[in-house]
Amino acid sequence: VRYGNYPFVTSSHTIASGIGPALGIAPSLIGGAIG
């Protein structure tokens, strides 16, 4: 929603850093992503 090709985007954070607020966890719990 913020870093995609706005405004042709969805309404949520689809990227790895969106996991923190989505699950209510600390960012330190998010490791390297599989793309």
Full PDB file with SEQRES, HELIX, SHEET, SSBOND, CRYST1, ORIGX, SCALE, CONECT and MASTER records, all heavy atoms in Angstrom:
SEQRES   1 A   35  VAL ARG TYR GLY ASN TYR PRO PHE VAL THR SER SER HIS          
SEQRES   2 A   35  THR ILE ALA SER GLY ILE GLY PRO ALA LEU GLY ILE ALA          
SEQRES   3 A   35  PRO SER LEU ILE GLY GLY ALA ILE GLY                          
HELIX    1 AA1 ALA A   16  GLY A   18  5                                   3    
HELIX    2 AA2 ILE A   19  LEU A   23  1                                   5    
HELIX    3 AA3 PRO A   27  LEU A   29  5                                   3    
CRYST1    1.000    1.000    1.000  90.00  90.00  90.00 P 1           1          
ORIGX1      1.000000  0.000000  0.000000        0.00000                         
ORIGX2      0.000000  1.000000  0.000000        0.00000                         
ORIGX3      0.000000  0.000000  1.000000        0.00000                         
SCALE1      1.000000  0.000000  0.000000        0.00000                         
SCALE2      0.000000  1.000000  0.000000        0.00000                         
SCALE3      0.000000  0.000000  1.000000        0.00000                         
ATOM      1  N   VAL A   1       0.814  -1.213   0.000  1.00  0.00           N  
ATOM      2  CA  VAL A   1       0.000   0.000   0.000  1.00  0.00           C  
ATOM      3  C   VAL A   1       0.851   1.267   0.000  1.00  0.00           C  
ATOM      4  O   VAL A   1       0.424   2.311  -0.516  1.00  0.00           O  
ATOM      5  CB  VAL A   1      -0.969  -0.003   1.210  1.00  0.00           C  
ATOM      6  CG1 VAL A   1      -0.225   0.102   2.537  1.00  0.00           C  
ATOM      7  CG2 VAL A   1      -2.010   1.098   1.076  1.00  0.00           C  
ATOM      8  N   ARG A   2       2.056   1.224   0.540  1.00  0.00           N  
ATOM      9  CA  ARG A   2       2.902   2.413   0.579  1.00  0.00           C  
ATOM     10  C   ARG A   2       4.050   2.348  -0.429  1.00  0.00           C  
ATOM     11  O   ARG A   2       4.379   3.344  -1.085  1.00  0.00           O  
ATOM     12  CB  ARG A   2       3.487   2.618   1.984  1.00  0.00           C  
ATOM     13  CG  ARG A   2       4.223   3.934   2.155  1.00  0.00           C  
ATOM     14  CD  ARG A   2       4.733   4.119   3.565  1.00  0.00           C  
ATOM     15  NE  ARG A   2       3.657   4.219   4.531  1.00  0.00           N  
ATOM     16  CZ  ARG A   2       3.051   5.355   4.868  1.00  0.00           C  
ATOM     17  NH1 ARG A   2       3.413   6.486   4.293  1.00  0.00           N  
ATOM     18  NH2 ARG A   2       2.095   5.368   5.774  1.00  0.00           N  
ATOM     19  N   TYR A   3       4.668   1.193  -0.592  1.00  0.00           N  
ATOM     20  CA  TYR A   3       5.894   1.095  -1.396  1.00  0.00           C  
ATOM     21  C   TYR A   3       5.693   0.364  -2.725  1.00  0.00           C  
ATOM     22  O   TYR A   3       6.645   0.165  -3.465  1.00  0.00           O  
ATOM     23  CB  TYR A   3       6.993   0.421  -0.574  1.00  0.00           C  
ATOM     24  CG  TYR A   3       7.339   1.239   0.648  1.00  0.00           C  
ATOM     25  CD1 TYR A   3       6.956   0.842   1.916  1.00  0.00           C  
ATOM     26  CD2 TYR A   3       8.018   2.450   0.513  1.00  0.00           C  
ATOM     27  CE1 TYR A   3       7.239   1.611   3.029  1.00  0.00           C  
ATOM     28  CE2 TYR A   3       8.306   3.231   1.618  1.00  0.00           C  
ATOM     29  CZ  TYR A   3       7.921   2.806   2.874  1.00  0.00           C  
ATOM     30  OH  TYR A   3       8.194   3.583   3.972  1.00  0.00           O  
ATOM     31  N   GLY A   4       4.453  -0.009  -3.022  1.00  0.00           N  
ATOM     32  CA  GLY A   4       4.147  -0.571  -4.331  1.00  0.00           C  
ATOM     33  C   GLY A   4       3.904   0.521  -5.356  1.00  0.00           C  
ATOM     34  O   GLY A   4       4.185   1.701  -5.114  1.00  0.00           O  
ATOM     35  N   ASN A   5       3.380   0.137  -6.514  1.00  0.00           N  
ATOM     36  CA  ASN A   5       3.126   1.101  -7.588  1.00  0.00           C  
ATOM     37  C   ASN A   5       1.801   1.823  -7.336  1.00  0.00           C  
ATOM     38  O   ASN A   5       0.809   1.609  -8.026  1.00  0.00           O  
ATOM     39  CB  ASN A   5       3.121   0.394  -8.942  1.00  0.00           C  
ATOM     40  CG  ASN A   5       4.466  -0.193  -9.291  1.00  0.00           C  
ATOM     41  OD1 ASN A   5       4.551  -1.293  -9.795  1.00  0.00           O  
ATOM     42  ND2 ASN A   5       5.529   0.540  -9.022  1.00  0.00           N  
ATOM     43  N   TYR A   6       1.822   2.672  -6.348  1.00  0.00           N  
ATOM     44  CA  TYR A   6       0.651   3.424  -5.888  1.00  0.00           C  
ATOM     45  C   TYR A   6       0.093   4.300  -7.013  1.00  0.00           C  
ATOM     46  O   TYR A   6       0.873   4.879  -7.768  1.00  0.00           O  
ATOM     47  CB  TYR A   6       1.107   4.305  -4.713  1.00  0.00           C  
ATOM     48  CG  TYR A   6       0.002   4.971  -3.946  1.00  0.00           C  
ATOM     49  CD1 TYR A   6      -0.610   4.334  -2.880  1.00  0.00           C  
ATOM     50  CD2 TYR A   6      -0.420   6.247  -4.306  1.00  0.00           C  
ATOM     51  CE1 TYR A   6      -1.621   4.964  -2.166  1.00  0.00           C  
ATOM     52  CE2 TYR A   6      -1.437   6.870  -3.599  1.00  0.00           C  
ATOM     53  CZ  TYR A   6      -2.027   6.223  -2.535  1.00  0.00           C  
ATOM     54  OH  TYR A   6      -3.028   6.837  -1.836  1.00  0.00           O  
ATOM     55  N   PRO A   7      -1.239   4.391  -7.173  1.00  0.00           N  
ATOM     56  CA  PRO A   7      -2.314   3.850  -6.341  1.00  0.00           C  
ATOM     57  C   PRO A   7      -2.801   2.471  -6.756  1.00  0.00           C  
ATOM     58  O   PRO A   7      -3.825   2.018  -6.248  1.00  0.00           O  
ATOM     59  CB  PRO A   7      -3.420   4.891  -6.542  1.00  0.00           C  
ATOM     60  CG  PRO A   7      -3.272   5.283  -7.985  1.00  0.00           C  
ATOM     61  CD  PRO A   7      -1.773   5.271  -8.244  1.00  0.00           C  
ATOM     62  N   PHE A   8      -2.081   1.815  -7.665  1.00  0.00           N  
ATOM     63  CA  PHE A   8      -2.525   0.499  -8.158  1.00  0.00           C  
ATOM     64  C   PHE A   8      -2.002  -0.586  -7.219  1.00  0.00           C  
ATOM     65  O   PHE A   8      -1.197  -1.443  -7.612  1.00  0.00           O  
ATOM     66  CB  PHE A   8      -2.030   0.292  -9.589  1.00  0.00           C  
ATOM     67  CG  PHE A   8      -2.407   1.427 -10.502  1.00  0.00           C  
ATOM     68  CD1 PHE A   8      -1.504   2.422 -10.820  1.00  0.00           C  
ATOM     69  CD2 PHE A   8      -3.690   1.512 -11.021  1.00  0.00           C  
ATOM     70  CE1 PHE A   8      -1.848   3.474 -11.648  1.00  0.00           C  
ATOM     71  CE2 PHE A   8      -4.052   2.563 -11.853  1.00  0.00           C  
ATOM     72  CZ  PHE A   8      -3.137   3.548 -12.164  1.00  0.00           C  
ATOM     73  N   VAL A   9      -2.469  -0.539  -5.993  1.00  0.00           N  
ATOM     74  CA  VAL A   9      -1.930  -1.383  -4.928  1.00  0.00           C  
ATOM     75  C   VAL A   9      -3.074  -2.013  -4.142  1.00  0.00           C  
ATOM     76  O   VAL A   9      -4.242  -1.671  -4.332  1.00  0.00           O  
ATOM     77  CB  VAL A   9      -1.031  -0.565  -3.973  1.00  0.00           C  
ATOM     78  CG1 VAL A   9       0.222  -0.081  -4.692  1.00  0.00           C  
ATOM     79  CG2 VAL A   9      -1.794   0.636  -3.388  1.00  0.00           C  
ATOM     80  N   THR A  10      -2.723  -2.910  -3.238  1.00  0.00           N  
ATOM     81  CA  THR A  10      -3.711  -3.453  -2.313  1.00  0.00           C  
ATOM     82  C   THR A  10      -3.763  -2.541  -1.081  1.00  0.00           C  
ATOM     83  O   THR A  10      -3.132  -1.484  -1.054  1.00  0.00           O  
ATOM     84  CB  THR A  10      -3.374  -4.911  -1.940  1.00  0.00           C  
ATOM     85  OG1 THR A  10      -4.483  -5.498  -1.251  1.00  0.00           O  
ATOM     86  CG2 THR A  10      -2.108  -5.012  -1.109  1.00  0.00           C  
ATOM     87  N   SER A  11      -4.496  -2.955  -0.044  1.00  0.00           N  
ATOM     88  CA  SER A  11      -4.731  -2.057   1.093  1.00  0.00           C  
ATOM     89  C   SER A  11      -3.921  -2.428   2.324  1.00  0.00           C  
ATOM     90  O   SER A  11      -4.202  -1.930   3.417  1.00  0.00           O  
ATOM     91  CB  SER A  11      -6.225  -2.066   1.447  1.00  0.00           C  
ATOM     92  OG  SER A  11      -7.005  -1.654   0.350  1.00  0.00           O  
ATOM     93  N   SER A  12      -2.922  -3.273   2.172  1.00  0.00           N  
ATOM     94  CA  SER A  12      -2.132  -3.701   3.330  1.00  0.00           C  
ATOM     95  C   SER A  12      -0.649  -3.688   2.978  1.00  0.00           C  
ATOM     96  O   SER A  12      -0.272  -3.502   1.819  1.00  0.00           O  
ATOM     97  CB  SER A  12      -2.551  -5.110   3.769  1.00  0.00           C  
ATOM     98  OG  SER A  12      -2.337  -6.049   2.727  1.00  0.00           O  
ATOM     99  N   HIS A  13       0.180  -3.904   3.998  1.00  0.00           N  
ATOM    100  CA  HIS A  13       1.623  -3.993   3.777  1.00  0.00           C  
ATOM    101  C   HIS A  13       1.977  -5.433   3.423  1.00  0.00           C  
ATOM    102  O   HIS A  13       1.868  -6.343   4.245  1.00  0.00           O  
ATOM    103  CB  HIS A  13       2.392  -3.539   5.017  1.00  0.00           C  
ATOM    104  CG  HIS A  13       2.381  -2.063   5.209  1.00  0.00           C  
ATOM    105  ND1 HIS A  13       2.940  -1.194   4.290  1.00  0.00           N  
ATOM    106  CD2 HIS A  13       1.873  -1.286   6.195  1.00  0.00           C  
ATOM    107  CE1 HIS A  13       2.779   0.051   4.705  1.00  0.00           C  
ATOM    108  NE2 HIS A  13       2.134   0.020   5.851  1.00  0.00           N  
ATOM    109  N   THR A  14       2.421  -5.615   2.188  1.00  0.00           N  
ATOM    110  CA  THR A  14       2.727  -6.953   1.679  1.00  0.00           C  
ATOM    111  C   THR A  14       4.194  -7.321   1.864  1.00  0.00           C  
ATOM    112  O   THR A  14       4.599  -8.428   1.508  1.00  0.00           O  
ATOM    113  CB  THR A  14       2.391  -7.023   0.182  1.00  0.00           C  
ATOM    114  OG1 THR A  14       3.180  -6.049  -0.518  1.00  0.00           O  
ATOM    115  CG2 THR A  14       0.913  -6.735  -0.058  1.00  0.00           C  
ATOM    116  N   ILE A  15       5.002  -6.400   2.386  1.00  0.00           N  
ATOM    117  CA  ILE A  15       6.441  -6.618   2.487  1.00  0.00           C  
ATOM    118  C   ILE A  15       6.811  -7.174   3.870  1.00  0.00           C  
ATOM    119  O   ILE A  15       6.008  -7.144   4.806  1.00  0.00           O  
ATOM    120  CB  ILE A  15       7.217  -5.318   2.199  1.00  0.00           C  
ATOM    121  CG1 ILE A  15       6.774  -4.194   3.143  1.00  0.00           C  
ATOM    122  CG2 ILE A  15       6.995  -4.901   0.741  1.00  0.00           C  
ATOM    123  CD1 ILE A  15       7.502  -2.883   2.938  1.00  0.00           C  
ATOM    124  N   ALA A  16       8.035  -7.657   3.989  1.00  0.00           N  
ATOM    125  CA  ALA A  16       8.451  -8.363   5.204  1.00  0.00           C  
ATOM    126  C   ALA A  16       8.336  -7.505   6.456  1.00  0.00           C  
ATOM    127  O   ALA A  16       7.954  -7.995   7.527  1.00  0.00           O  
ATOM    128  CB  ALA A  16       9.889  -8.866   5.039  1.00  0.00           C  
ATOM    129  N   SER A  17       8.636  -6.217   6.352  1.00  0.00           N  
ATOM    130  CA  SER A  17       8.569  -5.363   7.537  1.00  0.00           C  
ATOM    131  C   SER A  17       7.141  -5.138   8.004  1.00  0.00           C  
ATOM    132  O   SER A  17       6.912  -4.658   9.118  1.00  0.00           O  
ATOM    133  CB  SER A  17       9.252  -4.019   7.274  1.00  0.00           C  
ATOM    134  OG  SER A  17       8.696  -3.393   6.136  1.00  0.00           O  
ATOM    135  N   GLY A  18       6.161  -5.500   7.170  1.00  0.00           N  
ATOM    136  CA  GLY A  18       4.767  -5.408   7.582  1.00  0.00           C  
ATOM    137  C   GLY A  18       4.363  -6.492   8.560  1.00  0.00           C  
ATOM    138  O   GLY A  18       3.287  -6.423   9.167  1.00  0.00           O  
ATOM    139  N   ILE A  19       5.219  -7.496   8.728  1.00  0.00           N  
ATOM    140  CA  ILE A  19       4.905  -8.599   9.627  1.00  0.00           C  
ATOM    141  C   ILE A  19       4.812  -8.134  11.075  1.00  0.00           C  
ATOM    142  O   ILE A  19       3.954  -8.599  11.834  1.00  0.00           O  
ATOM    143  CB  ILE A  19       5.954  -9.717   9.486  1.00  0.00           C  
ATOM    144  CG1 ILE A  19       5.855 -10.357   8.099  1.00  0.00           C  
ATOM    145  CG2 ILE A  19       5.799 -10.780  10.573  1.00  0.00           C  
ATOM    146  CD1 ILE A  19       6.959 -11.347   7.798  1.00  0.00           C  
ATOM    147  N   GLY A  20       5.692  -7.200  11.478  1.00  0.00           N  
ATOM    148  CA  GLY A  20       5.705  -6.728  12.863  1.00  0.00           C  
ATOM    149  C   GLY A  20       4.366  -6.187  13.320  1.00  0.00           C  
ATOM    150  O   GLY A  20       3.748  -6.711  14.252  1.00  0.00           O  
ATOM    151  N   PRO A  21       3.865  -5.104  12.674  1.00  0.00           N  
ATOM    152  CA  PRO A  21       2.560  -4.575  13.092  1.00  0.00           C  
ATOM    153  C   PRO A  21       1.403  -5.527  12.826  1.00  0.00           C  
ATOM    154  O   PRO A  21       0.407  -5.508  13.550  1.00  0.00           O  
ATOM    155  CB  PRO A  21       2.415  -3.286  12.267  1.00  0.00           C  
ATOM    156  CG  PRO A  21       3.382  -3.417  11.142  1.00  0.00           C  
ATOM    157  CD  PRO A  21       4.506  -4.250  11.655  1.00  0.00           C  
ATOM    158  N   ALA A  22       1.519  -6.378  11.800  1.00  0.00           N  
ATOM    159  CA  ALA A  22       0.426  -7.300  11.476  1.00  0.00           C  
ATOM    160  C   ALA A  22       0.243  -8.370  12.551  1.00  0.00           C  
ATOM    161  O   ALA A  22      -0.879  -8.811  12.816  1.00  0.00           O  
ATOM    162  CB  ALA A  22       0.671  -7.954  10.124  1.00  0.00           C  
ATOM    163  N   LEU A  23       1.338  -8.795  13.169  1.00  0.00           N  
ATOM    164  CA  LEU A  23       1.270  -9.858  14.175  1.00  0.00           C  
ATOM    165  C   LEU A  23       1.473  -9.345  15.596  1.00  0.00           C  
ATOM    166  O   LEU A  23       1.351 -10.116  16.554  1.00  0.00           O  
ATOM    167  CB  LEU A  23       2.309 -10.947  13.864  1.00  0.00           C  
ATOM    168  CG  LEU A  23       2.185 -11.632  12.506  1.00  0.00           C  
ATOM    169  CD1 LEU A  23       3.249 -12.719  12.365  1.00  0.00           C  
ATOM    170  CD2 LEU A  23       0.797 -12.214  12.296  1.00  0.00           C  
ATOM    171  N   GLY A  24       1.817  -8.068  15.739  1.00  0.00           N  
ATOM    172  CA  GLY A  24       2.037  -7.516  17.070  1.00  0.00           C  
ATOM    173  C   GLY A  24       3.305  -8.025  17.722  1.00  0.00           C  
ATOM    174  O   GLY A  24       3.341  -8.295  18.924  1.00  0.00           O  
ATOM    175  N   ILE A  25       4.374  -8.145  16.919  1.00  0.00           N  
ATOM    176  CA  ILE A  25       5.642  -8.663  17.435  1.00  0.00           C  
ATOM    177  C   ILE A  25       6.761  -7.656  17.189  1.00  0.00           C  
ATOM    178  O   ILE A  25       6.628  -6.742  16.368  1.00  0.00           O  
ATOM    179  CB  ILE A  25       6.019 -10.004  16.768  1.00  0.00           C  
ATOM    180  CG1 ILE A  25       6.154  -9.820  15.260  1.00  0.00           C  
ATOM    181  CG2 ILE A  25       4.995 -11.079  17.095  1.00  0.00           C  
ATOM    182  CD1 ILE A  25       6.769 -10.994  14.556  1.00  0.00           C  
ATOM    183  N   ALA A  26       7.864  -7.845  17.887  1.00  0.00           N  
ATOM    184  CA  ALA A  26       9.023  -6.966  17.729  1.00  0.00           C  
ATOM    185  C   ALA A  26       9.693  -7.216  16.377  1.00  0.00           C  
ATOM    186  O   ALA A  26       9.753  -8.365  15.908  1.00  0.00           O  
ATOM    187  CB  ALA A  26      10.022  -7.222  18.856  1.00  0.00           C  
ATOM    188  N   PRO A  27      10.217  -6.171  15.735  1.00  0.00           N  
ATOM    189  CA  PRO A  27      10.905  -6.357  14.444  1.00  0.00           C  
ATOM    190  C   PRO A  27      12.120  -7.261  14.551  1.00  0.00           C  
ATOM    191  O   PRO A  27      12.529  -7.865  13.560  1.00  0.00           O  
ATOM    192  CB  PRO A  27      11.288  -4.933  14.031  1.00  0.00           C  
ATOM    193  CG  PRO A  27      11.141  -4.100  15.249  1.00  0.00           C  
ATOM    194  CD  PRO A  27      10.128  -4.753  16.114  1.00  0.00           C  
ATOM    195  N   SER A  28      12.708  -7.377  15.747  1.00  0.00           N  
ATOM    196  CA  SER A  28      13.880  -8.245  15.920  1.00  0.00           C  
ATOM    197  C   SER A  28      13.555  -9.719  15.710  1.00  0.00           C  
ATOM    198  O   SER A  28      14.453 -10.532  15.535  1.00  0.00           O  
ATOM    199  CB  SER A  28      14.470  -8.053  17.320  1.00  0.00           C  
ATOM    200  OG  SER A  28      13.494  -8.337  18.320  1.00  0.00           O  
ATOM    201  N   LEU A  29      12.265 -10.048  15.716  1.00  0.00           N  
ATOM    202  CA  LEU A  29      11.861 -11.446  15.509  1.00  0.00           C  
ATOM    203  C   LEU A  29      11.720 -11.807  14.036  1.00  0.00           C  
ATOM    204  O   LEU A  29      11.432 -12.949  13.701  1.00  0.00           O  
ATOM    205  CB  LEU A  29      10.532 -11.728  16.224  1.00  0.00           C  
ATOM    206  CG  LEU A  29      10.560 -11.731  17.758  1.00  0.00           C  
ATOM    207  CD1 LEU A  29       9.182 -12.023  18.311  1.00  0.00           C  
ATOM    208  CD2 LEU A  29      11.564 -12.749  18.276  1.00  0.00           C  
ATOM    209  N   ILE A  30      11.925 -10.822  13.156  1.00  0.00           N  
ATOM    210  CA  ILE A  30      11.769 -11.065  11.718  1.00  0.00           C  
ATOM    211  C   ILE A  30      13.135 -11.306  11.092  1.00  0.00           C  
ATOM    212  O   ILE A  30      14.013 -10.444  11.132  1.00  0.00           O  
ATOM    213  CB  ILE A  30      11.073  -9.874  11.032  1.00  0.00           C  
ATOM    214  CG1 ILE A  30       9.723  -9.596  11.702  1.00  0.00           C  
ATOM    215  CG2 ILE A  30      10.870 -10.154   9.544  1.00  0.00           C  
ATOM    216  CD1 ILE A  30       9.085  -8.294  11.267  1.00  0.00           C  
ATOM    217  N   GLY A  31      13.323 -12.482  10.520  1.00  0.00           N  
ATOM    218  CA  GLY A  31      14.600 -12.843   9.917  1.00  0.00           C  
ATOM    219  C   GLY A  31      14.647 -12.552   8.432  1.00  0.00           C  
ATOM    220  O   GLY A  31      13.767 -11.887   7.871  1.00  0.00           O  
ATOM    221  N   GLY A  32      15.698 -13.046   7.768  1.00  0.00           N  
ATOM    222  CA  GLY A  32      15.847 -12.879   6.330  1.00  0.00           C  
ATOM    223  C   GLY A  32      14.709 -13.541   5.582  1.00  0.00           C  
ATOM    224  O   GLY A  32      14.225 -14.618   5.968  1.00  0.00           O  
ATOM    225  N   ALA A  33      14.276 -12.905   4.500  1.00  0.00           N  
ATOM    226  CA  ALA A  33      13.103 -13.380   3.764  1.00  0.00           C  
ATOM    227  C   ALA A  33      13.490 -14.335   2.638  1.00  0.00           C  
ATOM    228  O   ALA A  33      14.570 -14.236   2.054  1.00  0.00           O  
ATOM    229  CB  ALA A  33      12.332 -12.203   3.194  1.00  0.00           C  
ATOM    230  N   ILE A  34      12.582 -15.252   2.355  1.00  0.00           N  
ATOM    231  CA  ILE A  34      12.649 -16.053   1.133  1.00  0.00           C  
ATOM    232  C   ILE A  34      11.779 -15.350   0.104  1.00  0.00           C  
ATOM    233  O   ILE A  34      10.580 -15.172   0.306  1.00  0.00           O  
ATOM    234  CB  ILE A  34      12.142 -17.487   1.375  1.00  0.00           C  
ATOM    235  CG1 ILE A  34      13.033 -18.202   2.404  1.00  0.00           C  
ATOM    236  CG2 ILE A  34      12.109 -18.266   0.062  1.00  0.00           C  
ATOM    237  CD1 ILE A  34      12.527 -19.578   2.799  1.00  0.00           C  
ATOM    238  N   GLY A  35      12.380 -14.909  -0.980  1.00  0.00           N  
ATOM    239  CA  GLY A  35      11.644 -14.203  -2.028  1.00  0.00           C  
ATOM    240  C   GLY A  35      11.234 -15.148  -3.140  1.00  0.00           C  
ATOM    241  O   GLY A  35      12.024 -15.976  -3.584  1.00  0.00           O  
TER     242      GLY A  35                                                      
MASTER        0    0    0    3    0    0    0    6  241    1    0    3          
END                                                                             
